[in-house]
PDB file of N, CA and C in Angstrom:
ATOM      1  N   MET A   1      86.235  72.570 118.388  1.00  0.00           N
ATOM      2  CA  MET A   1      86.775  73.543 117.541  1.00  0.00           C
ATOM      3  C   MET A   1      87.885  72.752 116.954  1.00  0.00           C
ATOM      4  N   SER A   2      88.294  72.443 115.863  1.00  0.00           N
ATOM      5  CA  SER A   2      89.594  72.014 115.447  1.00  0.00           C
ATOM      6  C   SER A   2      90.690  72.873 115.058  1.00  0.00           C
ATOM      7  N   ASP A   3      91.977  72.391 115.010  1.00  0.00           N
ATOM      8  CA  ASP A   3      92.963  73.031 114.852  1.00  0.00           C
ATOM      9  C   ASP A   3      92.863  74.332 114.033  1.00  0.00           C
ATOM     10  N   LYS A   4      93.499  75.312 114.053  1.00  0.00           N
ATOM     11  CA  LYS A   4      93.572  76.366 113.105  1.00  0.00           C
ATOM     12  C   LYS A   4      95.264  76.124 112.186  1.00  0.00           C
ATOM     13  N   LEU A   5      95.000  76.159 110.564  1.00  0.00           N
ATOM     14  CA  LEU A   5      96.177  76.429 110.228  1.00  0.00           C
ATOM     15  C   LEU A   5      96.585  77.858 109.830  1.00  0.00           C
ATOM     16  N   ILE A   6      97.846  78.268 109.995  1.00  0.00           N
ATOM     17  CA  ILE A   6      98.177  79.641 109.977  1.00  0.00           C
ATOM     18  C   ILE A   6      99.428  79.463 108.674  1.00  0.00           C
ATOM     19  N   PHE A   7      99.134  80.154 107.732  1.00  0.00           N
ATOM     20  CA  PHE A   7     100.053  80.161 106.477  1.00  0.00           C
ATOM     21  C   PHE A   7     100.925  81.454 106.663  1.00  0.00           C
ATOM     22  N   VAL A   8     102.118  81.679 106.649  1.00  0.00           N
ATOM     23  CA  VAL A   8     102.755  82.779 107.071  1.00  0.00           C
ATOM     24  C   VAL A   8     103.683  83.238 105.843  1.00  0.00           C
ATOM     25  N   TYR A   9     103.405  84.299 105.250  1.00  0.00           N
ATOM     26  CA  TYR A   9     104.345  84.446 103.856  1.00  0.00           C
ATOM     27  C   TYR A   9     105.630  85.088 104.382  1.00  0.00           C
ATOM     28  N   ASN A  10     106.354  84.941 103.577  1.00  0.00           N
ATOM     29  CA  ASN A  10     107.864  85.599 103.473  1.00  0.00           C
ATOM     30  C   ASN A  10     107.824  86.922 103.110  1.00  0.00           C
ATOM     31  N   ALA A  11     106.788  87.762 103.577  1.00  0.00           N
ATOM     32  CA  ALA A  11     106.767  89.249 102.956  1.00  0.00           C
ATOM     33  C   ALA A  11     106.041  90.036 103.988  1.00  0.00           C
ATOM     34  N   ASP A  12     106.462  91.503 104.019  1.00  0.00           N
ATOM     35  CA  ASP A  12     105.693  92.293 104.660  1.00  0.00           C
ATOM     36  C   ASP A  12     104.190  92.665 104.056  1.00  0.00           C
ATOM     37  N   GLY A  13     103.159  93.131 105.097  1.00  0.00           N
ATOM     38  CA  GLY A  13     101.777  93.242 104.485  1.00  0.00           C
ATOM     39  C   GLY A  13     102.032  94.902 104.422  1.00  0.00           C
ATOM     40  N   GLY A  14     100.818  95.448 103.984  1.00  0.00           N
ATOM     41  CA  GLY A  14     100.559  96.769 103.457  1.00  0.00           C
ATOM     42  C   GLY A  14     100.741  96.934 101.816  1.00  0.00           C
ATOM     43  N   ILE A  15      99.876  98.102 101.388  1.00  0.00           N
ATOM     44  CA  ILE A  15     100.093  98.157 100.050  1.00  0.00           C
ATOM     45  C   ILE A  15     101.018  98.223  99.329  1.00  0.00           C
ATOM     46  N   ILE A  16     102.070  99.282 100.165  1.00  0.00           N
ATOM     47  CA  ILE A  16     103.319  99.537  99.418  1.00  0.00           C
ATOM     48  C   ILE A  16     104.037  98.201  99.099  1.00  0.00           C
ATOM     49  N   ASN A  17     104.076  97.485 100.269  1.00  0.00           N
ATOM     50  CA  ASN A  17     105.085  96.081 100.185  1.00  0.00           C
ATOM     51  C   ASN A  17     104.518  95.329  99.023  1.00  0.00           C
ATOM     52  N   MET A  18     103.020  95.053  98.960  1.00  0.00           N
ATOM     53  CA  MET A  18     102.235  94.215  98.166  1.00  0.00           C
ATOM     54  C   MET A  18     102.594  94.717  96.935  1.00  0.00           C
ATOM     55  N   VAL A  19     102.847  95.991  96.402  1.00  0.00           N
ATOM     56  CA  VAL A  19     103.145  96.649  95.200  1.00  0.00           C
ATOM     57  C   VAL A  19     104.402  96.158  94.612  1.00  0.00           C
ATOM     58  N   LYS A  20     105.499  96.319  95.624  1.00  0.00           N
ATOM     59  CA  LYS A  20     106.957  96.118  95.466  1.00  0.00           C
ATOM     60  C   LYS A  20     107.084  94.537  95.035  1.00  0.00           C
ATOM     61  N   ASP A  21     106.092  93.599  95.930  1.00  0.00           N
ATOM     62  CA  ASP A  21     106.608  92.270  95.827  1.00  0.00           C
ATOM     63  C   ASP A  21     105.775  91.912  94.403  1.00  0.00           C
ATOM     64  N   LEU A  22     105.101  92.536  93.884  1.00  0.00           N
ATOM     65  CA  LEU A  22     104.261  92.171  92.737  1.00  0.00           C
ATOM     66  C   LEU A  22     105.005  92.392  91.718  1.00  0.00           C
ATOM     67  N   ILE A  23     105.937  93.448  91.663  1.00  0.00           N
ATOM     68  CA  ILE A  23     106.969  93.857  90.364  1.00  0.00           C
ATOM     69  C   ILE A  23     108.017  92.916  90.614  1.00  0.00           C
ATOM     70  N   HIS A  24     108.658  92.547  91.891  1.00  0.00           N
ATOM     71  CA  HIS A  24     109.883  91.782  92.073  1.00  0.00           C
ATOM     72  C   HIS A  24     108.892  90.518  91.307  1.00  0.00           C
ATOM     73  N   LYS A  25     108.208  89.966  92.080  1.00  0.00           N
ATOM     74  CA  LYS A  25     107.547  88.730  91.365  1.00  0.00           C
ATOM     75  C   LYS A  25     107.451  88.359  89.947  1.00  0.00           C
ATOM     76  N   ASN A  26     107.133  89.403  89.167  1.00  0.00           N
ATOM     77  CA  ASN A  26     107.138  89.416  87.825  1.00  0.00           C
ATOM     78  C   ASN A  26     108.359  89.891  87.184  1.00  0.00           C
ATOM     79  N   VAL A  27     109.319  90.675  87.645  1.00  0.00           N
ATOM     80  CA  VAL A  27     110.475  91.045  86.803  1.00  0.00           C
ATOM     81  C   VAL A  27     111.531  90.094  87.060  1.00  0.00           C
ATOM     82  N   SER A  28     111.619  89.518  88.525  1.00  0.00           N
ATOM     83  CA  SER A  28     112.705  88.375  88.914  1.00  0.00           C
ATOM     84  C   SER A  28     112.250  87.213  89.408  1.00  0.00           C
ATOM     85  N   PRO A  29     111.225  86.335  89.116  1.00  0.00           N
ATOM     86  CA  PRO A  29     110.465  85.307  89.640  1.00  0.00           C
ATOM     87  C   PRO A  29     111.966  84.709  90.357  1.00  0.00           C
ATOM     88  N   GLU A  30     112.810  84.549  89.875  1.00  0.00           N
ATOM     89  CA  GLU A  30     113.864  83.350  90.367  1.00  0.00           C
ATOM     90  C   GLU A  30     114.470  83.991  91.474  1.00  0.00           C
ATOM     91  N   THR A  31     114.139  85.484  92.008  1.00  0.00           N
ATOM     92  CA  THR A  31     115.009  85.738  93.097  1.00  0.00           C
ATOM     93  C   THR A  31     113.725  86.172  93.980  1.00  0.00           C
ATOM     94  N   TYR A  32     112.780  85.964  93.956  1.00  0.00           N
ATOM     95  CA  TYR A  32     111.578  86.212  94.864  1.00  0.00           C
ATOM     96  C   TYR A  32     111.557  85.254  95.905  1.00  0.00           C
ATOM     97  N   PRO A  33     111.553  85.908  97.392  1.00  0.00           N
ATOM     98  CA  PRO A  33     111.758  85.167  98.479  1.00  0.00           C
ATOM     99  C   PRO A  33     110.714  84.332  98.847  1.00  0.00           C
ATOM    100  N   CYS A  34     109.368  84.264  98.616  1.00  0.00           N
ATOM    101  CA  CYS A  34     108.038  83.738  99.158  1.00  0.00           C
ATOM    102  C   CYS A  34     107.663  82.667  98.198  1.00  0.00           C
ATOM    103  N   SER A  35     107.892  81.500  97.864  1.00  0.00           N
ATOM    104  CA  SER A  35     107.271  80.356  97.215  1.00  0.00           C
ATOM    105  C   SER A  35     106.115  80.286  97.677  1.00  0.00           C
ATOM    106  N   LEU A  36     105.550  80.793  98.536  1.00  0.00           N
ATOM    107  CA  LEU A  36     103.984  80.516  99.090  1.00  0.00           C
ATOM    108  C   LEU A  36     103.339  81.720  98.176  1.00  0.00           C
ATOM    109  N   CYS A  37     103.950  82.914  98.306  1.00  0.00           N
ATOM    110  CA  CYS A  37     103.223  83.958  97.513  1.00  0.00           C
ATOM    111  C   CYS A  37     103.246  83.457  95.887  1.00  0.00           C
ATOM    112  N   ALA A  38     104.406  82.761  95.631  1.00  0.00           N
ATOM    113  CA  ALA A  38     104.580  82.605  93.947  1.00  0.00           C
ATOM    114  C   ALA A  38     103.577  81.819  93.439  1.00  0.00           C
ATOM    115  N   VAL A  39     103.277  80.536  94.266  1.00  0.00           N
ATOM    116  CA  VAL A  39     102.546  79.438  93.925  1.00  0.00           C
ATOM    117  C   VAL A  39     101.145  79.741  94.066  1.00  0.00           C
ATOM    118  N   THR A  40     100.578  80.671  95.034  1.00  0.00           N
ATOM    119  CA  THR A  40      99.148  80.990  95.526  1.00  0.00           C
ATOM    120  C   THR A  40      98.661  82.180  95.192  1.00  0.00           C
ATOM    121  N   PHE A  41      99.522  83.070  94.513  1.00  0.00           N
ATOM    122  CA  PHE A  41      99.095  84.225  93.844  1.00  0.00           C
ATOM    123  C   PHE A  41      99.378  84.486  92.511  1.00  0.00           C
ATOM    124  N   ASP A  42      98.461  84.854  91.865  1.00  0.00           N
ATOM    125  CA  ASP A  42      98.987  85.896  90.558  1.00  0.00           C
ATOM    126  C   ASP A  42      98.649  87.153  90.482  1.00  0.00           C
ATOM    127  N   ASN A  43      98.394  87.762  89.185  1.00  0.00           N
ATOM    128  CA  ASN A  43      98.441  89.527  89.226  1.00  0.00           C
ATOM    129  C   ASN A  43      97.497  89.963  89.817  1.00  0.00           C
ATOM    130  N   PHE A  44      96.216  89.145  89.950  1.00  0.00           N
ATOM    131  CA  PHE A  44      94.992  89.743  90.309  1.00  0.00           C
ATOM    132  C   PHE A  44      94.584  89.123  91.834  1.00  0.00           C
ATOM    133  N   GLY A  45      95.328  88.864  92.610  1.00  0.00           N
ATOM    134  CA  GLY A  45      95.320  88.347  93.770  1.00  0.00           C
ATOM    135  C   GLY A  45      95.347  86.696  94.071  1.00  0.00           C
ATOM    136  N   MET A  46      94.829  86.013  95.306  1.00  0.00           N
ATOM    137  CA  MET A  46      94.680  84.758  95.515  1.00  0.00           C
ATOM    138  C   MET A  46      94.140  83.598  94.495  1.00  0.00           C
ATOM    139  N   LYS A  47      94.717  82.643  94.229  1.00  0.00           N
ATOM    140  CA  LYS A  47      93.887  82.108  93.060  1.00  0.00           C
ATOM    141  C   LYS A  47      93.007  81.287  93.414  1.00  0.00           C
ATOM    142  N   ARG A  48      91.945  81.393  92.553  1.00  0.00           N
ATOM    143  CA  ARG A  48      90.455  80.808  92.992  1.00  0.00           C
ATOM    144  C   ARG A  48      90.858  79.356  93.410  1.00  0.00           C
ATOM    145  N   GLU A  49      91.615  78.487  92.630  1.00  0.00           N
ATOM    146  CA  GLU A  49      91.755  77.021  93.139  1.00  0.00           C
ATOM    147  C   GLU A  49      92.521  76.915  94.505  1.00  0.00           C
ATOM    148  N   TRP A  50      93.398  77.774  95.140  1.00  0.00           N
ATOM    149  CA  TRP A  50      93.807  77.883  96.274  1.00  0.00           C
ATOM    150  C   TRP A  50      92.612  78.418  97.268  1.00  0.00           C
ATOM    151  N   LYS A  51      91.931  79.228  97.134  1.00  0.00           N
ATOM    152  CA  LYS A  51      90.830  79.606  97.821  1.00  0.00           C
ATOM    153  C   LYS A  51      89.911  78.706  98.265  1.00  0.00           C
ATOM    154  N   HIS A  52      89.688  77.648  96.864  1.00  0.00           N
ATOM    155  CA  HIS A  52      88.697  76.869  97.103  1.00  0.00           C
ATOM    156  C   HIS A  52      89.276  75.543  97.906  1.00  0.00           C
ATOM    157  N   PHE A  53      90.372  75.175  97.524  1.00  0.00           N
ATOM    158  CA  PHE A  53      91.270  74.209  98.519  1.00  0.00           C
ATOM    159  C   PHE A  53      91.231  74.491  99.867  1.00  0.00           C
ATOM    160  N   VAL A  54      91.665  75.526 100.244  1.00  0.00           N
ATOM    161  CA  VAL A  54      91.457  75.719 101.748  1.00  0.00           C
ATOM    162  C   VAL A  54      90.248  75.872 102.546  1.00  0.00           C
ATOM    163  N   SER A  55      89.287  76.590 101.482  1.00  0.00           N
ATOM    164  CA  SER A  55      88.033  76.459 102.191  1.00  0.00           C
ATOM    165  C   SER A  55      87.239  75.198 102.272  1.00  0.00           C
ATOM    166  N   GLN A  56      87.899  73.851 101.642  1.00  0.00           N
ATOM    167  CA  GLN A  56      87.452  72.475 101.847  1.00  0.00           C
ATOM    168  C   GLN A  56      88.442  72.012 102.873  1.00  0.00           C
ATOM    169  N   LEU A  57      89.245  72.482 103.578  1.00  0.00           N
ATOM    170  CA  LEU A  57      89.903  71.798 104.445  1.00  0.00           C
ATOM    171  C   LEU A  57      89.164  71.493 105.721  1.00  0.00           C
ATOM    172  N   GLY A  58      88.259  72.022 106.262  1.00  0.00           N
ATOM    173  CA  GLY A  58      87.410  71.769 107.397  1.00  0.00           C
ATOM    174  C   GLY A  58      88.109  72.398 108.693  1.00  0.00           C
ATOM    175  N   ARG A  59      89.108  73.274 108.713  1.00  0.00           N
ATOM    176  CA  ARG A  59      89.502  73.535 109.504  1.00  0.00           C
ATOM    177  C   ARG A  59      89.689  75.059 109.153  1.00  0.00           C
ATOM    178  N   GLU A  60      89.712  75.946 110.313  1.00  0.00           N
ATOM    179  CA  GLU A  60      89.946  77.739 109.823  1.00  0.00           C
ATOM    180  C   GLU A  60      91.298  77.782 109.514  1.00  0.00           C
ATOM    181  N   VAL A  61      91.231  78.593 108.673  1.00  0.00           N
ATOM    182  CA  VAL A  61      92.655  79.010 107.817  1.00  0.00           C
ATOM    183  C   VAL A  61      93.044  80.559 108.021  1.00  0.00           C
ATOM    184  N   GLU A  62      94.223  80.926 108.478  1.00  0.00           N
ATOM    185  CA  GLU A  62      94.381  82.240 108.448  1.00  0.00           C
ATOM    186  C   GLU A  62      95.653  82.449 107.561  1.00  0.00           C
ATOM    187  N   PHE A  63      95.928  83.631 107.006  1.00  0.00           N
ATOM    188  CA  PHE A  63      96.904  83.893 106.337  1.00  0.00           C
ATOM    189  C   PHE A  63      97.763  85.354 106.582  1.00  0.00           C
ATOM    190  N   LEU A  64      98.859  85.110 107.230  1.00  0.00           N
ATOM    191  CA  LEU A  64      99.665  86.520 107.894  1.00  0.00           C
ATOM    192  C   LEU A  64     100.937  86.327 107.016  1.00  0.00           C
ATOM    193  N   HIS A  65     101.336  87.862 106.956  1.00  0.00           N
ATOM    194  CA  HIS A  65     102.435  88.268 106.728  1.00  0.00           C
ATOM    195  C   HIS A  65     103.447  88.178 107.705  1.00  0.00           C
ATOM    196  N   ARG A  66     104.912  88.259 107.517  1.00  0.00           N
ATOM    197  CA  ARG A  66     105.911  87.884 108.574  1.00  0.00           C
ATOM    198  C   ARG A  66     106.112  89.070 109.522  1.00  0.00           C
ATOM    199  N   ASP A  67     105.496  90.437 109.278  1.00  0.00           N
ATOM    200  CA  ASP A  67     105.248  91.222 110.406  1.00  0.00           C
ATOM    201  C   ASP A  67     104.428  91.049 111.357  1.00  0.00           C
ATOM    202  N   GLU A  68     103.275  90.588 110.780  1.00  0.00           N
ATOM    203  CA  GLU A  68     101.790  90.094 111.391  1.00  0.00           C
ATOM    204  C   GLU A  68     101.994  88.966 112.238  1.00  0.00           C
ATOM    205  N   LEU A  69     102.856  88.052 111.745  1.00  0.00           N
ATOM    206  CA  LEU A  69     103.063  87.161 112.677  1.00  0.00           C
ATOM    207  C   LEU A  69     103.741  87.463 114.325  1.00  0.00           C
ATOM    208  N   GLU A  70     104.684  88.167 113.726  1.00  0.00           N
ATOM    209  CA  GLU A  70     105.213  88.602 115.262  1.00  0.00           C
ATOM    210  C   GLU A  70     104.323  89.583 115.844  1.00  0.00           C
ATOM    211  N   LYS A  71     103.418  90.569 115.395  1.00  0.00           N
ATOM    212  CA  LYS A  71     102.693  91.344 116.108  1.00  0.00           C
ATOM    213  C   LYS A  71     101.477  90.325 117.011  1.00  0.00           C
ATOM    214  N   LYS A  72     100.963  89.448 116.013  1.00  0.00           N
ATOM    215  CA  LYS A  72      99.720  88.374 116.751  1.00  0.00           C
ATOM    216  C   LYS A  72     100.386  87.448 117.457  1.00  0.00           C
ATOM    217  N   TYR A  73     101.517  86.795 117.421  1.00  0.00           N
ATOM    218  CA  TYR A  73     102.019  85.341 118.249  1.00  0.00           C
ATOM    219  C   TYR A  73     102.919  85.797 118.625  1.00  0.00           C
ATOM    220  N   ALA A  74     103.693  86.800 118.650  1.00  0.00           N
ATOM    221  CA  ALA A  74     105.008  86.799 119.218  1.00  0.00           C
ATOM    222  C   ALA A  74     105.960  86.130 118.588  1.00  0.00           C
ATOM    223  N   ILE A  75     105.923  85.541 117.531  1.00  0.00           N
ATOM    224  CA  ILE A  75     106.999  84.409 116.652  1.00  0.00           C
ATOM    225  C   ILE A  75     107.810  85.309 115.848  1.00  0.00           C
ATOM    226  N   LYS A  76     109.108  84.987 115.864  1.00  0.00           N
ATOM    227  CA  LYS A  76     110.261  85.667 115.069  1.00  0.00           C
ATOM    228  C   LYS A  76     111.196  84.366 114.982  1.00  0.00           C
ATOM    229  N   ASP A  77     112.219  84.840 113.929  1.00  0.00           N
ATOM    230  CA  ASP A  77     113.200  83.954 113.913  1.00  0.00           C
ATOM    231  C   ASP A  77     113.032  82.855 113.648  1.00  0.00           C
ATOM    232  N   VAL A  78     111.899  82.530 112.493  1.00  0.00           N
ATOM    233  CA  VAL A  78     111.407  81.421 111.960  1.00  0.00           C
ATOM    234  C   VAL A  78     111.753  81.521 110.463  1.00  0.00           C
ATOM    235  N   PRO A  79     112.561  80.876 109.741  1.00  0.00           N
ATOM    236  CA  PRO A  79     112.478  81.117 108.396  1.00  0.00           C
ATOM    237  C   PRO A  79     111.149  80.936 107.831  1.00  0.00           C
ATOM    238  N   LEU A  80     110.827  81.493 106.726  1.00  0.00           N
ATOM    239  CA  LEU A  80     109.528  81.805 106.149  1.00  0.00           C
ATOM    240  C   LEU A  80     109.801  81.603 104.672  1.00  0.00           C
ATOM    241  N   PRO A  81     108.670  81.119 103.998  1.00  0.00           N
ATOM    242  CA  PRO A  81     107.367  81.074 104.211  1.00  0.00           C
ATOM    243  C   PRO A  81     107.012  79.616 105.183  1.00  0.00           C
ATOM    244  N   ALA A  82     106.109  79.612 105.928  1.00  0.00           N
ATOM    245  CA  ALA A  82     105.797  78.473 106.778  1.00  0.00           C
ATOM    246  C   ALA A  82     104.561  78.292 107.009  1.00  0.00           C
ATOM    247  N   ALA A  83     104.012  77.447 107.908  1.00  0.00           N
ATOM    248  CA  ALA A  83     102.682  77.105 108.341  1.00  0.00           C
ATOM    249  C   ALA A  83     102.738  76.483 109.214  1.00  0.00           C
ATOM    250  N   PHE A  84     101.743  76.847 110.413  1.00  0.00           N
ATOM    251  CA  PHE A  84     101.657  76.551 111.729  1.00  0.00           C
ATOM    252  C   PHE A  84     100.272  75.867 111.858  1.00  0.00           C
ATOM    253  N   ILE A  85     100.233  74.984 113.315  1.00  0.00           N
ATOM    254  CA  ILE A  85      98.816  74.610 113.314  1.00  0.00           C
ATOM    255  C   ILE A  85      98.713  75.371 114.943  1.00  0.00           C
ATOM    256  N   HIS A  86      97.522  75.888 115.253  1.00  0.00           N
ATOM    257  CA  HIS A  86      97.574  76.607 116.859  1.00  0.00           C
ATOM    258  C   HIS A  86      96.254  76.085 117.304  1.00  0.00           C
ATOM    259  N   CYS A  87      96.407  75.223 118.240  1.00  0.00           N
ATOM    260  CA  CYS A  87      95.398  74.593 118.862  1.00  0.00           C
ATOM    261  C   CYS A  87      94.981  75.479 120.072  1.00  0.00           C
ATOM    262  N   MET A  88      93.772  75.313 120.467  1.00  0.00           N
ATOM    263  CA  MET A  88      92.949  76.364 121.395  1.00  0.00           C
ATOM    264  C   MET A  88      93.720  76.286 122.622  1.00  0.00           C
ATOM    265  N   ASP A  89      94.106  77.564 123.174  1.00  0.00           N
ATOM    266  CA  ASP A  89      94.790  77.796 124.534  1.00  0.00           C
ATOM    267  C   ASP A  89      96.491  76.941 124.377  1.00  0.00           C
ATOM    268  N   GLU A  90      96.989  77.183 123.448  1.00  0.00           N
ATOM    269  CA  GLU A  90      98.222  76.825 123.132  1.00  0.00           C
ATOM    270  C   GLU A  90      98.933  77.787 122.048  1.00  0.00           C
ATOM    271  N   GLU A  91     100.405  77.793 122.367  1.00  0.00           N
ATOM    272  CA  GLU A  91     101.109  78.529 121.353  1.00  0.00           C
ATOM    273  C   GLU A  91     101.300  77.712 119.810  1.00  0.00           C
ATOM    274  N   PRO A  92     100.919  78.784 118.980  1.00  0.00           N
ATOM    275  CA  PRO A  92     100.882  78.075 117.529  1.00  0.00           C
ATOM    276  C   PRO A  92     102.400  77.098 117.242  1.00  0.00           C
ATOM    277  N   GLU A  93     102.532  75.984 116.665  1.00  0.00           N
ATOM    278  CA  GLU A  93     103.253  75.164 116.531  1.00  0.00           C
ATOM    279  C   GLU A  93     103.782  75.022 114.572  1.00  0.00           C
ATOM    280  N   LEU A  94     105.139  75.176 114.562  1.00  0.00           N
ATOM    281  CA  LEU A  94     105.385  74.926 113.563  1.00  0.00           C
ATOM    282  C   LEU A  94     105.061  73.640 112.846  1.00  0.00           C
ATOM    283  N   TRP A  95     104.525  73.695 111.615  1.00  0.00           N
ATOM    284  CA  TRP A  95     103.850  72.436 110.969  1.00  0.00           C
ATOM    285  C   TRP A  95     104.633  72.138 109.520  1.00  0.00           C
ATOM    286  N   LEU A  96     104.647  73.370 108.664  1.00  0.00           N
ATOM    287  CA  LEU A  96     105.476  72.973 107.550  1.00  0.00           C
ATOM    288  C   LEU A  96     106.501  74.104 107.721  1.00  0.00           C
ATOM    289  N   ASP A  97     107.794  73.378 107.589  1.00  0.00           N
ATOM    290  CA  ASP A  97     108.811  74.651 107.714  1.00  0.00           C
ATOM    291  C   ASP A  97     108.894  75.086 106.118  1.00  0.00           C
ATOM    292  N   SER A  98     109.896  76.103 106.235  1.00  0.00           N
ATOM    293  CA  SER A  98     110.389  76.673 104.908  1.00  0.00           C
ATOM    294  C   SER A  98     110.920  75.916 103.744  1.00  0.00           C
ATOM    295  N   GLU A  99     111.482  74.979 104.286  1.00  0.00           N
ATOM    296  CA  GLU A  99     112.277  73.949 103.294  1.00  0.00           C
ATOM    297  C   GLU A  99     111.223  73.211 102.507  1.00  0.00           C
ATOM    298  N   LYS A 100     110.218  72.550 103.145  1.00  0.00           N
ATOM    299  CA  LYS A 100     109.154  72.122 102.944  1.00  0.00           C
ATOM    300  C   LYS A 100     108.410  72.904 101.761  1.00  0.00           C
ATOM    301  N   MET A 101     108.000  74.214 102.191  1.00  0.00           N
ATOM    302  CA  MET A 101     107.370  74.998 101.622  1.00  0.00           C
ATOM    303  C   MET A 101     107.779  75.497 100.068  1.00  0.00           C
ATOM    304  N   ASP A 102     109.163  75.656 100.547  1.00  0.00           N
ATOM    305  CA  ASP A 102     110.213  76.131  99.145  1.00  0.00           C
ATOM    306  C   ASP A 102     110.484  75.112  98.181  1.00  0.00           C
ATOM    307  N   SER A 103     109.857  73.971  98.587  1.00  0.00           N
ATOM    308  CA  SER A 103     110.106  72.675  97.663  1.00  0.00           C
ATOM    309  C   SER A 103     108.872  72.345  96.522  1.00  0.00           C
ATOM    310  N   CYS A 104     107.522  73.333  97.070  1.00  0.00           N
ATOM    311  CA  CYS A 104     106.765  73.292  96.103  1.00  0.00           C
ATOM    312  C   CYS A 104     106.716  74.232  94.880  1.00  0.00           C
ATOM    313  N   LYS A 105     106.915  73.849  93.680  1.00  0.00           N
ATOM    314  CA  LYS A 105     107.121  74.544  92.561  1.00  0.00           C
ATOM    315  C   LYS A 105     105.749  74.810  91.609  1.00  0.00           C
ATOM    316  N   SER A 106     104.497  74.476  92.207  1.00  0.00           N
ATOM    317  CA  SER A 106     103.553  74.662  91.716  1.00  0.00           C
ATOM    318  C   SER A 106     102.303  74.608  92.921  1.00  0.00           C
ATOM    319  N   LEU A 107     101.207  74.864  92.591  1.00  0.00           N
ATOM    320  CA  LEU A 107      99.958  74.747  93.554  1.00  0.00           C
ATOM    321  C   LEU A 107      99.586  73.598  93.864  1.00  0.00           C
ATOM    322  N   GLY A 108      99.907  72.604  92.681  1.00  0.00           N
ATOM    323  CA  GLY A 108      99.727  71.156  92.875  1.00  0.00           C
ATOM    324  C   GLY A 108     100.453  70.501  94.149  1.00  0.00           C
ATOM    325  N   ASP A 109     101.718  71.132  93.840  1.00  0.00           N
ATOM    326  CA  ASP A 109     102.464  70.523  94.801  1.00  0.00           C
ATOM    327  C   ASP A 109     102.359  71.056  96.461  1.00  0.00           C
ATOM    328  N   LEU A 110     101.873  72.241  96.407  1.00  0.00           N
ATOM    329  CA  LEU A 110     101.445  72.537  97.681  1.00  0.00           C
ATOM    330  C   LEU A 110     100.262  71.965  98.200  1.00  0.00           C
ATOM    331  N   LYS A 111      99.352  71.776  97.539  1.00  0.00           N
ATOM    332  CA  LYS A 111      98.112  71.204  97.882  1.00  0.00           C
ATOM    333  C   LYS A 111      98.566  69.671  98.183  1.00  0.00           C
ATOM    334  N   ASN A 112      99.203  69.059  97.368  1.00  0.00           N
ATOM    335  CA  ASN A 112      99.617  67.614  97.943  1.00  0.00           C
ATOM    336  C   ASN A 112     100.704  67.568  99.261  1.00  0.00           C
ATOM    337  N   LEU A 113     101.331  68.585  99.760  1.00  0.00           N
ATOM    338  CA  LEU A 113     101.931  68.973 100.829  1.00  0.00           C
ATOM    339  C   LEU A 113     100.922  69.087 102.010  1.00  0.00           C
ATOM    340  N   VAL A 114      99.950  69.742 101.575  1.00  0.00           N
ATOM    341  CA  VAL A 114      99.395  70.241 102.970  1.00  0.00           C
ATOM    342  C   VAL A 114      98.165  68.974 103.323  1.00  0.00           C
ATOM    343  N   THR A 115      97.683  68.302 102.238  1.00  0.00           N
ATOM    344  CA  THR A 115      97.132  67.329 102.107  1.00  0.00           C
ATOM    345  C   THR A 115      98.017  66.044 102.770  1.00  0.00           C
ATOM    346  N   SER A 116      98.899  65.711 102.642  1.00  0.00           N
ATOM    347  CA  SER A 116      99.454  64.716 102.873  1.00  0.00           C
ATOM    348  C   SER A 116     100.160  64.667 104.767  1.00  0.00           C
ATOM    349  N   ASN A 117     100.123  66.038 104.824  1.00  0.00           N
ATOM    350  CA  ASN A 117     100.528  66.378 106.230  1.00  0.00           C
ATOM    351  C   ASN A 117      99.478  66.560 107.082  1.00  0.00           C
ATOM    352  N   LEU A 118      98.337  66.638 106.656  1.00  0.00           N
ATOM    353  CA  LEU A 118      97.227  66.707 107.534  1.00  0.00           C
ATOM    354  C   LEU A 118      96.528  65.506 107.750  1.00  0.00           C
ATOM    355  N   ASN A 119      96.873  64.092 107.342  1.00  0.00           N
ATOM    356  CA  ASN A 119      96.437  63.019 107.759  1.00  0.00           C
ATOM    357  C   ASN A 119      97.413  62.169 108.357  1.00  0.00           C
TER     358      ASN A 119
END
């Protein structure tokens, strides 16, 4: 089995948080703290283009909110959004830090970042 990619949003999970984030993203996008959410989601959910892209990576992909990352992997105090690589029997390792993720201003930028860092 190959490494698993874990993308972590700079947002907490749950329906109330999702509604608050949706409002924030639409009312004041320039202050919205999660660039990963901003480029991969629209008002109707995860963008089809992103779903298709990650399904073609040939790896298991997991999406977590910041509160879920700490609960599942005991990882905290890492600036988010970020992505990790998780090899079997090892702790997840930071793969794409928040600076790299925040540099992505479009879905195309994010796809290029992921692709170039997988090779």
